[in-house]
Protein backbone atom coordinates (compact mmCIF):
# COMPACT_ATOMS: atom_id res chain seq x y z
CA MET A 1 -61.88 45.37 -11.39
CA ALA A 2 -62.22 46.17 -15.10
CA ALA A 3 -62.83 43.38 -17.60
CA PRO A 4 -59.64 42.07 -19.23
CA THR A 5 -58.85 43.69 -22.59
CA ALA A 6 -55.35 42.47 -23.51
CA ASP A 7 -54.78 39.62 -25.96
CA ILE A 8 -51.32 38.89 -24.54
CA GLY A 9 -49.01 40.28 -21.86
CA LEU A 10 -45.27 40.84 -21.58
CA VAL A 11 -43.00 41.19 -18.56
CA GLY A 12 -39.65 42.90 -19.16
CA LEU A 13 -39.52 46.22 -20.98
CA ALA A 14 -35.86 46.19 -21.98
CA VAL A 15 -34.80 46.63 -25.62
CA MET A 16 -36.15 43.29 -26.91
CA GLY A 17 -39.34 43.50 -24.84
CA GLU A 18 -40.24 47.00 -26.00
CA ASN A 19 -39.73 46.16 -29.66
CA LEU A 20 -41.57 42.85 -29.47
CA VAL A 21 -44.70 44.41 -27.96
CA LEU A 22 -44.62 47.20 -30.55
CA ASN A 23 -44.52 44.45 -33.19
CA MET A 24 -47.51 42.69 -31.57
CA GLU A 25 -49.50 45.91 -31.33
CA SER A 26 -48.79 46.74 -34.98
CA ARG A 27 -50.41 43.40 -35.92
CA GLY A 28 -53.64 44.40 -34.23
CA TYR A 29 -53.16 42.93 -30.75
CA THR A 30 -53.78 44.71 -27.46
CA VAL A 31 -50.80 44.06 -25.18
CA ALA A 32 -50.50 44.31 -21.40
CA VAL A 33 -47.04 45.39 -20.23
CA TYR A 34 -45.36 45.13 -16.85
CA ASN A 35 -41.87 45.66 -15.52
CA ARG A 36 -40.51 45.11 -12.04
CA SER A 37 -39.30 48.74 -12.16
CA THR A 38 -42.72 50.28 -12.79
CA ASP A 39 -41.25 53.62 -13.90
CA LYS A 40 -40.32 51.81 -17.15
CA VAL A 41 -44.00 50.97 -17.70
CA GLU A 42 -44.99 54.62 -17.27
CA LYS A 43 -42.15 55.77 -19.54
CA PHE A 44 -43.13 53.29 -22.26
CA VAL A 45 -46.90 53.90 -22.34
CA THR A 46 -46.35 57.67 -22.40
CA GLY A 47 -43.44 57.40 -24.85
CA ARG A 48 -43.05 54.86 -27.67
CA GLY A 49 -46.38 53.27 -26.75
CA LYS A 50 -48.41 56.49 -26.50
CA GLY A 51 -51.74 56.37 -28.32
CA LYS A 52 -51.38 52.65 -29.04
CA LYS A 53 -53.23 49.57 -27.76
CA PHE A 54 -51.19 48.97 -24.58
CA VAL A 55 -52.37 48.32 -21.05
CA GLY A 56 -49.75 49.49 -18.56
CA ALA A 57 -49.89 47.56 -15.27
CA MET A 58 -48.33 48.66 -11.98
CA SER A 59 -48.51 45.31 -10.16
CA PRO A 60 -48.35 41.60 -11.11
CA GLN A 61 -51.96 41.12 -10.03
CA GLU A 62 -53.21 44.05 -12.12
CA PHE A 63 -51.10 42.81 -15.06
CA VAL A 64 -52.51 39.27 -15.04
CA ALA A 65 -56.08 40.50 -14.49
CA SER A 66 -55.87 42.66 -17.62
CA ILE A 67 -55.26 39.67 -19.95
CA LYS A 68 -58.06 37.62 -21.54
CA ARG A 69 -58.19 33.90 -20.80
CA PRO A 70 -56.46 31.68 -21.53
CA ARG A 71 -53.87 34.19 -20.42
CA LYS A 72 -50.73 34.34 -22.52
CA VAL A 73 -47.76 35.88 -20.70
CA VAL A 74 -44.34 36.38 -22.30
CA MET A 75 -41.29 36.88 -20.05
CA LEU A 76 -38.32 38.68 -21.59
CA VAL A 77 -35.89 38.87 -18.69
CA LYS A 78 -32.28 37.84 -18.11
CA ALA A 79 -31.68 34.08 -18.10
CA GLY A 80 -31.22 32.31 -14.77
CA LYS A 81 -32.52 33.47 -11.41
CA ALA A 82 -34.45 36.39 -12.94
CA VAL A 83 -36.70 33.93 -14.80
CA ASP A 84 -37.41 31.92 -11.65
CA ASP A 85 -38.12 35.16 -9.75
CA THR A 86 -40.51 36.33 -12.47
CA ILE A 87 -42.33 32.98 -12.46
CA ALA A 88 -42.66 33.19 -8.66
CA MET A 89 -44.09 36.71 -9.05
CA ILE A 90 -46.59 35.96 -11.86
CA ALA A 91 -47.62 32.30 -11.41
CA PRO A 92 -49.68 32.79 -8.20
CA PHE A 93 -52.16 34.88 -10.22
CA LEU A 94 -52.39 32.44 -13.15
CA GLU A 95 -54.97 29.66 -13.42
CA SER A 96 -55.05 26.21 -14.98
CA GLY A 97 -54.88 26.50 -18.77
CA ASP A 98 -52.98 29.80 -18.72
CA ILE A 99 -49.77 29.99 -20.75
CA LEU A 100 -46.41 31.25 -19.50
CA ILE A 101 -43.70 31.83 -22.13
CA ASP A 102 -39.99 32.42 -21.59
CA GLY A 103 -38.73 34.34 -24.64
CA GLY A 104 -35.19 34.90 -23.35
CA ASN A 105 -31.91 33.10 -23.98
CA THR A 106 -32.46 30.40 -21.36
CA HIS A 107 -30.38 27.24 -20.98
CA PHE A 108 -32.67 24.48 -22.23
CA PRO A 109 -32.42 22.17 -19.16
CA ASP A 110 -33.84 25.04 -17.07
CA THR A 111 -36.83 25.26 -19.41
CA THR A 112 -37.44 21.52 -19.09
CA ARG A 113 -37.29 21.82 -15.28
CA ARG A 114 -39.69 24.76 -15.16
CA ALA A 115 -42.17 23.07 -17.51
CA LYS A 116 -42.28 20.03 -15.21
CA GLU A 117 -42.64 22.19 -12.09
CA LEU A 118 -45.59 24.14 -13.50
CA GLU A 119 -47.39 21.16 -15.08
CA PRO A 120 -49.14 20.02 -11.84
CA LYS A 121 -50.61 23.52 -11.50
CA GLY A 122 -52.08 23.30 -15.00
CA ILE A 123 -49.92 26.16 -16.30
CA LEU A 124 -48.76 25.51 -19.86
CA TYR A 125 -45.09 26.45 -20.03
CA VAL A 126 -43.32 27.39 -23.26
CA GLY A 127 -39.61 28.07 -23.80
CA SER A 128 -39.25 30.07 -26.99
CA GLY A 129 -36.05 31.15 -28.66
CA VAL A 130 -36.35 34.60 -30.26
CA SER A 131 -33.63 35.75 -32.65
CA GLY A 132 -33.09 38.88 -34.68
CA GLY A 133 -31.98 41.47 -32.16
CA GLU A 134 -33.68 44.83 -31.74
CA GLU A 135 -34.63 45.25 -35.41
CA GLY A 136 -35.90 41.68 -35.70
CA ALA A 137 -38.05 42.01 -32.59
CA LEU A 138 -39.68 45.12 -34.05
CA LYS A 139 -40.07 44.08 -37.69
CA GLY A 140 -40.19 40.28 -37.55
CA PRO A 141 -37.92 37.88 -35.65
CA SER A 142 -37.32 34.17 -35.98
CA ILE A 143 -39.27 32.46 -33.20
CA MET A 144 -38.57 28.90 -31.98
CA PRO A 145 -41.23 27.78 -29.45
CA GLY A 146 -41.19 24.49 -27.57
CA GLY A 147 -42.60 23.05 -24.35
CA ASN A 148 -46.19 22.08 -23.54
CA ALA A 149 -47.77 21.47 -26.96
CA ALA A 150 -51.26 22.24 -25.61
CA ALA A 151 -50.22 25.91 -25.61
CA TRP A 152 -49.43 26.05 -29.34
CA PRO A 153 -52.96 26.52 -30.78
CA ALA A 154 -53.49 29.55 -28.52
CA ILE A 155 -50.17 31.30 -29.23
CA LYS A 156 -49.69 30.22 -32.87
CA PRO A 157 -51.72 33.05 -34.47
CA ILE A 158 -49.85 35.74 -32.52
CA PHE A 159 -46.38 34.27 -32.90
CA GLN A 160 -46.72 33.52 -36.61
CA SER A 161 -48.16 36.98 -37.30
CA ILE A 162 -45.22 38.78 -35.67
CA ALA A 163 -42.51 36.48 -37.07
CA ALA A 164 -40.41 37.21 -40.16
CA LYS A 165 -41.79 35.83 -43.44
CA VAL A 166 -39.95 34.06 -46.25
CA LYS A 167 -41.06 32.30 -49.42
CA ASP A 168 -41.04 28.50 -49.26
CA ALA A 169 -40.22 26.12 -52.14
CA ASN A 170 -43.69 26.71 -53.64
CA GLY A 171 -43.28 30.48 -53.55
CA THR A 172 -45.79 30.79 -50.71
CA GLU A 173 -44.98 33.20 -47.90
CA ALA A 174 -44.24 31.23 -44.73
CA PRO A 175 -43.59 32.49 -41.19
CA CYS A 176 -40.19 31.88 -39.59
CA CYS A 177 -41.93 30.30 -36.63
CA ASP A 178 -43.30 26.83 -35.98
CA TRP A 179 -43.60 24.42 -33.08
CA VAL A 180 -40.21 22.84 -32.35
CA GLY A 181 -40.88 20.13 -29.78
CA PRO A 182 -41.48 19.28 -26.10
CA GLU A 183 -39.71 20.41 -22.92
CA GLY A 184 -36.69 22.63 -23.64
CA ALA A 185 -36.56 21.85 -27.39
CA GLY A 186 -37.29 25.44 -28.43
CA HIS A 187 -34.51 26.89 -26.31
CA PHE A 188 -32.19 24.07 -27.38
CA VAL A 189 -32.68 24.91 -31.07
CA LYS A 190 -32.11 28.61 -30.28
CA MET A 191 -28.91 27.66 -28.44
CA VAL A 192 -27.65 25.77 -31.50
CA HIS A 193 -28.60 28.78 -33.64
CA ASN A 194 -26.40 30.93 -31.40
CA GLY A 195 -23.56 28.42 -31.61
CA ILE A 196 -23.73 28.51 -35.41
CA GLU A 197 -23.83 32.31 -35.16
CA TYR A 198 -20.54 32.19 -33.19
CA GLY A 199 -19.07 30.04 -35.97
CA ASP A 200 -20.29 32.25 -38.81
CA MET A 201 -18.95 35.40 -37.17
CA GLN A 202 -15.54 33.83 -36.51
CA LEU A 203 -15.29 32.55 -40.10
CA ILE A 204 -16.05 36.04 -41.41
CA CYS A 205 -13.47 37.59 -39.08
CA GLU A 206 -10.79 35.13 -40.20
CA SER A 207 -11.60 35.87 -43.85
CA TYR A 208 -11.40 39.61 -43.19
CA ASN A 209 -8.05 39.17 -41.43
CA LEU A 210 -6.56 37.11 -44.26
CA LEU A 211 -7.57 39.62 -46.93
CA LYS A 212 -6.42 42.56 -44.82
CA ASP A 213 -3.00 41.11 -44.01
CA MET A 214 -2.15 39.04 -47.10
CA CYS A 215 -3.77 41.22 -49.78
CA GLY A 216 -3.28 44.57 -48.05
CA LEU A 217 -6.92 45.54 -48.66
CA THR A 218 -8.29 48.66 -46.99
CA PRO A 219 -11.61 48.54 -45.10
CA ALA A 220 -13.30 50.27 -48.06
CA GLU A 221 -11.88 47.67 -50.47
CA LEU A 222 -12.89 44.88 -48.09
CA SER A 223 -16.41 46.29 -47.98
CA GLY A 224 -16.50 45.95 -51.75
CA VAL A 225 -15.36 42.32 -51.56
CA PHE A 226 -17.95 41.37 -48.94
CA GLY A 227 -20.62 43.26 -50.86
CA LYS A 228 -19.83 41.16 -53.94
CA TRP A 229 -19.87 37.96 -51.87
CA ASN A 230 -23.30 38.91 -50.55
CA LYS A 231 -24.67 38.57 -54.09
CA GLY A 232 -23.47 34.95 -54.37
CA VAL A 233 -23.48 31.74 -52.33
CA LEU A 234 -22.63 33.67 -49.13
CA ASP A 235 -25.74 35.89 -49.33
CA SER A 236 -26.62 36.42 -45.65
CA TYR A 237 -27.39 38.95 -42.93
CA LEU A 238 -23.92 38.69 -41.35
CA ILE A 239 -22.13 39.25 -44.66
CA GLU A 240 -24.48 42.18 -45.33
CA ILE A 241 -23.75 43.92 -42.03
CA THR A 242 -20.01 43.20 -42.40
CA THR A 243 -20.15 45.08 -45.72
CA GLU A 244 -21.73 48.06 -43.96
CA ILE A 245 -19.37 47.93 -40.94
CA LEU A 246 -16.27 47.96 -43.16
CA ALA A 247 -17.58 50.99 -45.07
CA TYR A 248 -18.37 53.01 -41.94
CA THR A 249 -16.20 56.07 -41.19
CA ASP A 250 -15.80 57.36 -37.63
CA PRO A 251 -17.35 60.87 -37.60
CA GLU A 252 -14.73 62.15 -35.15
CA THR A 253 -11.47 60.89 -36.66
CA LYS A 254 -12.64 60.34 -40.27
CA LYS A 255 -10.93 56.95 -40.14
CA PRO A 256 -12.57 53.53 -40.72
CA LEU A 257 -14.26 52.80 -37.38
CA VAL A 258 -13.42 49.09 -37.55
CA ASP A 259 -9.71 49.97 -37.29
CA LEU A 260 -10.33 51.88 -34.04
CA ILE A 261 -12.18 49.10 -32.19
CA LEU A 262 -10.23 47.14 -29.57
CA ASP A 263 -9.73 43.51 -30.60
CA THR A 264 -11.37 41.87 -27.58
CA ALA A 265 -14.69 40.04 -28.06
CA GLY A 266 -17.38 39.45 -25.46
CA GLN A 267 -19.82 36.56 -25.10
CA LYS A 268 -22.95 35.79 -23.08
CA GLY A 269 -22.63 32.03 -22.63
CA THR A 270 -24.78 30.39 -25.30
CA GLY A 271 -21.68 29.33 -27.24
CA LYS A 272 -20.32 27.59 -24.13
CA TRP A 273 -23.68 25.88 -23.56
CA THR A 274 -23.55 24.57 -27.13
CA ILE A 275 -20.09 23.08 -26.57
CA ASP A 276 -21.25 21.54 -23.27
CA ALA A 277 -24.18 19.88 -25.06
CA ALA A 278 -21.81 18.60 -27.76
CA THR A 279 -19.45 16.98 -25.24
CA ASP A 280 -22.42 15.51 -23.35
CA ASN A 281 -23.67 13.92 -26.58
CA GLY A 282 -20.27 12.95 -28.01
CA VAL A 283 -20.66 15.20 -31.08
CA ALA A 284 -17.61 16.76 -32.75
CA LEU A 285 -18.57 20.43 -32.67
CA THR A 286 -15.04 21.50 -33.53
CA LEU A 287 -15.69 24.69 -35.49
CA ILE A 288 -18.08 26.24 -32.98
CA ALA A 289 -15.71 25.27 -30.15
CA GLU A 290 -12.86 27.08 -31.92
CA ALA A 291 -15.09 30.12 -32.39
CA VAL A 292 -15.82 30.23 -28.66
CA PHE A 293 -12.17 29.74 -27.72
CA SER A 294 -11.15 32.43 -30.21
CA ARG A 295 -13.24 34.90 -28.23
CA CYS A 296 -11.50 33.68 -25.08
CA ILE A 297 -8.01 34.28 -26.51
CA SER A 298 -9.09 37.66 -27.87
CA ALA A 299 -9.94 38.70 -24.31
CA GLN A 300 -6.31 38.03 -23.30
CA LYS A 301 -5.26 41.27 -24.98
CA ASP A 302 -2.48 42.27 -22.59
CA GLU A 303 -0.97 38.76 -22.63
CA ARG A 304 -1.07 38.69 -26.43
CA VAL A 305 0.64 42.07 -26.73
CA ALA A 306 3.41 40.88 -24.39
CA ALA A 307 3.73 37.52 -26.18
CA SER A 308 3.99 39.23 -29.56
CA LYS A 309 7.33 40.67 -28.44
CA VAL A 310 8.68 37.27 -27.34
CA LEU A 311 7.29 34.51 -29.58
CA ALA A 312 8.77 34.07 -33.05
CA GLY A 313 6.78 33.49 -36.23
CA PRO A 314 7.04 33.89 -40.00
CA GLU A 315 6.64 37.15 -41.85
CA VAL A 316 3.29 37.60 -43.57
CA GLN A 317 3.67 36.70 -47.23
CA LYS A 318 1.75 39.07 -49.48
CA VAL A 319 -0.11 37.24 -52.25
CA SER A 320 0.90 37.79 -55.86
CA ASP A 321 -2.55 37.16 -57.34
CA ARG A 322 -5.10 39.10 -55.30
CA ASP A 323 -8.13 38.06 -57.33
CA GLN A 324 -7.32 34.36 -57.03
CA PHE A 325 -6.72 34.62 -53.28
CA ILE A 326 -9.98 36.52 -52.75
CA ALA A 327 -11.79 33.77 -54.68
CA ASP A 328 -10.03 31.11 -52.57
CA VAL A 329 -11.02 32.82 -49.32
CA GLU A 330 -14.63 33.01 -50.51
CA MET A 331 -14.59 29.26 -51.11
CA ALA A 332 -12.89 28.57 -47.76
CA LEU A 333 -15.53 30.61 -45.97
CA TYR A 334 -18.35 28.88 -47.87
CA ALA A 335 -17.01 25.36 -47.29
CA ALA A 336 -16.34 25.99 -43.60
CA LYS A 337 -19.85 27.43 -43.23
CA ILE A 338 -21.30 24.19 -44.60
CA VAL A 339 -19.28 22.26 -41.99
CA SER A 340 -20.51 24.55 -39.21
CA TYR A 341 -24.16 23.89 -40.05
CA ALA A 342 -23.48 20.17 -40.50
CA GLN A 343 -22.04 20.04 -36.99
CA GLY A 344 -24.96 22.04 -35.57
CA TYR A 345 -27.51 19.71 -37.15
CA ALA A 346 -25.57 16.66 -35.92
CA LEU A 347 -25.82 18.06 -32.39
CA MET A 348 -29.57 18.62 -32.74
CA ALA A 349 -30.01 15.04 -33.96
CA ALA A 350 -28.03 13.64 -31.03
CA GLN A 351 -29.90 15.70 -28.40
CA ALA A 352 -33.25 14.82 -29.97
CA LYS A 353 -32.38 11.13 -29.81
CA ALA A 354 -31.24 11.43 -26.18
CA ASN A 355 -34.45 13.24 -25.14
CA GLY A 356 -36.91 11.42 -27.38
CA TRP A 357 -37.75 14.62 -29.30
CA GLU A 358 -38.96 14.71 -32.90
CA LEU A 359 -37.32 17.72 -34.54
CA ASN A 360 -38.29 18.89 -38.02
CA ASN A 361 -34.88 19.71 -39.50
CA GLY A 362 -36.27 21.21 -42.69
CA GLY A 363 -38.72 23.29 -40.67
CA ILE A 364 -35.91 24.58 -38.46
CA ALA A 365 -33.97 25.67 -41.55
CA LEU A 366 -37.07 27.54 -42.74
CA MET A 367 -37.39 29.23 -39.32
CA TRP A 368 -33.79 30.40 -39.67
CA ARG A 369 -34.29 31.67 -43.25
CA GLY A 370 -35.52 35.06 -42.05
CA GLY A 371 -35.55 37.33 -39.03
CA CYS A 372 -32.63 35.75 -37.19
CA ILE A 373 -28.92 36.59 -37.11
CA ILE A 374 -27.82 33.57 -39.17
CA ARG A 375 -30.47 34.12 -41.86
CA SER A 376 -29.15 33.39 -45.32
CA ALA A 377 -30.16 32.07 -48.72
CA PHE A 378 -27.94 29.07 -47.93
CA LEU A 379 -30.57 27.78 -45.46
CA GLY A 380 -33.01 27.15 -48.29
CA LYS A 381 -30.63 24.45 -49.56
CA ILE A 382 -30.50 22.89 -46.08
CA LYS A 383 -34.31 22.73 -46.02
CA GLU A 384 -34.29 21.07 -49.46
CA ALA A 385 -31.71 18.53 -48.26
CA PHE A 386 -33.80 17.44 -45.27
CA ASP A 387 -37.07 17.57 -47.23
CA GLN A 388 -35.56 15.17 -49.77
CA ASN A 389 -34.07 12.93 -47.07
CA PRO A 390 -35.52 13.43 -43.55
CA LYS A 391 -33.16 10.70 -42.27
CA LEU A 392 -30.01 12.43 -43.59
CA VAL A 393 -27.29 11.55 -41.07
CA ASN A 394 -24.97 14.44 -41.90
CA LEU A 395 -25.39 17.45 -44.14
CA LEU A 396 -21.96 16.81 -45.69
CA VAL A 397 -23.19 13.67 -47.49
CA ASP A 398 -26.21 15.37 -49.05
CA PRO A 399 -25.57 15.31 -52.84
CA PHE A 400 -25.79 19.10 -53.20
CA PHE A 401 -23.48 19.93 -50.29
CA ALA A 402 -21.04 17.12 -51.10
CA GLY A 403 -20.79 18.59 -54.58
CA GLU A 404 -20.30 22.13 -53.28
CA LEU A 405 -17.52 20.98 -50.93
CA GLY A 406 -15.86 19.16 -53.82
CA LYS A 407 -15.81 22.38 -55.84
CA ALA A 408 -14.66 24.55 -52.95
CA GLN A 409 -11.97 22.44 -51.37
CA SER A 410 -9.01 23.35 -53.61
CA GLY A 411 -9.28 27.02 -52.65
CA TRP A 412 -10.05 26.04 -49.04
CA ARG A 413 -6.85 24.00 -48.80
CA ARG A 414 -4.76 26.74 -50.41
CA VAL A 415 -6.08 29.26 -47.87
CA VAL A 416 -5.30 27.07 -44.86
CA GLY A 417 -1.79 26.38 -46.21
CA ALA A 418 -1.13 30.06 -46.95
CA ALA A 419 -2.37 31.10 -43.50
CA ALA A 420 -0.09 28.57 -41.78
CA ALA A 421 2.90 29.68 -43.87
CA SER A 422 2.30 33.31 -42.84
CA GLY A 423 1.50 32.57 -39.21
CA ILE A 424 -2.04 33.97 -39.43
CA PRO A 425 -4.46 32.13 -37.12
CA VAL A 426 -7.51 30.62 -38.83
CA PRO A 427 -8.78 28.23 -36.13
CA ALA A 428 -12.35 27.96 -37.44
CA ILE A 429 -11.50 27.61 -41.14
CA SER A 430 -8.74 25.08 -40.46
CA SER A 431 -10.71 23.04 -37.90
CA ALA A 432 -13.55 22.80 -40.42
CA LEU A 433 -11.14 21.35 -42.96
CA SER A 434 -9.80 18.87 -40.41
CA TYR A 435 -13.36 17.80 -39.57
CA TYR A 436 -14.15 17.35 -43.26
CA ASP A 437 -11.03 15.27 -43.80
CA GLY A 438 -11.67 13.27 -40.64
CA TYR A 439 -15.29 12.56 -41.59
CA ARG A 440 -14.35 11.38 -45.09
CA THR A 441 -11.50 9.14 -43.87
CA ALA A 442 -12.47 5.46 -43.70
CA ARG A 443 -9.62 4.50 -41.34
CA LEU A 444 -8.34 6.92 -38.71
CA PRO A 445 -5.37 6.36 -36.35
CA ALA A 446 -7.73 5.73 -33.42
CA ASN A 447 -6.65 2.07 -33.58
CA LEU A 448 -3.32 3.14 -32.06
CA LEU A 449 -5.09 5.36 -29.54
CA GLN A 450 -7.29 2.47 -28.39
CA ALA A 451 -4.19 0.23 -28.13
CA GLN A 452 -2.62 2.88 -25.87
CA ARG A 453 -5.75 2.98 -23.69
CA ASP A 454 -5.72 -0.79 -23.41
CA TYR A 455 -1.98 -0.79 -22.61
CA PHE A 456 -2.14 1.60 -19.66
CA GLY A 457 -5.72 1.09 -18.48
CA ALA A 458 -6.96 -2.26 -19.82
CA HIS A 459 -9.77 -0.36 -21.59
CA THR A 460 -10.13 -3.06 -24.30
CA TYR A 461 -10.53 -2.72 -28.06
CA GLU A 462 -12.56 -4.12 -30.94
CA ARG A 463 -10.94 -5.93 -33.89
CA LEU A 464 -11.36 -5.51 -37.64
CA ASP A 465 -11.44 -9.30 -38.07
CA LYS A 466 -14.16 -9.87 -35.44
CA PRO A 467 -17.83 -8.77 -35.21
CA ARG A 468 -18.56 -5.31 -33.78
CA GLY A 469 -19.46 -5.40 -30.10
CA GLN A 470 -16.82 -7.97 -29.12
CA PHE A 471 -14.12 -6.47 -26.90
CA PHE A 472 -10.59 -7.73 -26.33
CA HIS A 473 -7.75 -7.02 -23.91
CA THR A 474 -4.06 -7.78 -24.40
CA ASN A 475 -1.43 -8.25 -21.69
CA TRP A 476 0.98 -6.00 -23.62
CA THR A 477 3.98 -6.27 -21.27
CA GLY A 478 3.54 -9.79 -19.99
CA ARG A 479 3.50 -8.32 -16.50
CA GLY A 480 -0.18 -7.36 -16.38
CA GLY A 481 -3.17 -9.55 -15.64
CA ASP A 482 -6.06 -10.66 -17.80
CA THR A 483 -8.67 -8.50 -16.08
CA ALA A 484 -10.08 -5.81 -18.39
CA SER A 485 -11.69 -2.55 -17.44
CA THR A 486 -15.44 -2.14 -17.89
CA THR A 487 -16.25 -0.73 -21.33
CA TYR A 488 -18.13 2.54 -21.24
CA ASN A 489 -18.28 5.89 -22.96
CA VAL A 490 -18.32 9.22 -21.14
C-alpha cells in the first residue's frame, strides 16, 4: 500500500463537503476524500477537483490509509444515524491518537455521547460547528470546534487557515475559529448561533412586512431602505442579502421574485433544539421561541387562508410620516436584535454552568464576526462588552447596550403599538419588548402566581419580609391541611 500523502480527510461530498475541501486544498493542504456513494468521489476528482491535491478513495480502508498520522478525519454528513453509521464505518481503521471530527449540525448531547464512547479507544473526538453555507465553506466559514482538547493542536493550523478572518480590537487579522470547550460545547455554540439566526431572520421579515403594509413600499423601495440600514448599526450579512433579494426581478415574469414566493417557511430542527435547551435550563428564550413558532404557523398556509375569511381584525392603518416610521422600525429591529443576542448568551451561560464548561464569550463573538450567517459589525460590540466584563450576567446591562436600548425604545414602542392597532403580527419584535420590560421590572406579578400555586397545590412561597430560602404554606380555605408540597424546580 502506498505511503499516506493526505494532510486531512473528509467523508461526505455534498455541497458543504465539496466546498470545504476545495477551501482546504487552496490553503496548501492535500485532502483525502471519500463518500459512501463512490461515484461522487469519481465525479469530484475528475470535475471540480481535477488537477488539484486530492486523493480520491473508493473504500473506508483506502481512505484512512491515505492520511498521515495522527489522522484527521472530518465527517460532513446528515445529523443523527448517518453520523453513527459513518463512525462505525471509519473508526475500525483508526488508531489511538487519531482525530475524528463531526462538522455537521449535530445535536450537542449526541456529540458528548460519541466523545465518551470513542475515548477508551484513544480516538480524539471533536464536534465542530461550521457556519457560512456554501460560500462560507469555500471562501472562509466560522468554525466552532469542541470536544477532546488534545486534538486542538493538530487541527488548529488547518481550521484557522480555512476560517474567515476579521480584524480584532488591535487591528490584527484574527481567524473566526478557536477552541470552544469540552464534550459537545462546539456543537452547542453552533446550535445557539442557529437559534439567533432564526431570531434575526424573523425580525427582518417582520420589519419588511410592516414597511410593506403600513408604508406601501415596493420591493425596490424596500431594497433601498435595507441597503441604507446596512450602512448603519444593522450592518450585517442578513441585512445585506435581504437588500439583494428585494431588488431581484424574476426573469420569467419580470416581477419582484420575493412577491412570487409562497409564504411557508421550512426548518431543520436546530431552532427547536435551542428552545429545548432553554426550557431545560430555565432560560427565557422568548424571541427565538417566537421565531421558531412563526415558521410553524407559516406552514399552516391552508388553515390561515381559510381563517382569513372568518376571523375579524382591524384595517391596516397607513402611516402619515413614512420617514419617521422607517426610522422607528430600524430602531425596533436593532433593539430586538440586542435582546435576541442577550437571550442567546444567557442560554450559553446557563448550559456552561450546568456542564462545567468554561466558554469564552468574547471569543465566541469574534468567531461569529465573519464567515457565518449572523455575522455583523454589531458582534464587535458584544466582544468588547465581555472583554470589559467577563462576568457580565446579561448583555442588556452592559453600559453600551443599555444606552442603545434607551435610545431605541421610543421608536420600538411606537412600532409595537402601531402593529397591534393594524393587526399586523410582530411576535419577535413584541416578545423582545416584553422581555426587556420584564427584565427591567423590579417587582413582577409572580407573587400572585405563587399564591395560586400554593392555594391549589401547596407549592409554598417565599416572603419579602423573611430571608430568601425560607418557604411558607398557607391553609387558604381553612379546609386544607398544613402539609406542604416538596419545593423543586423543573
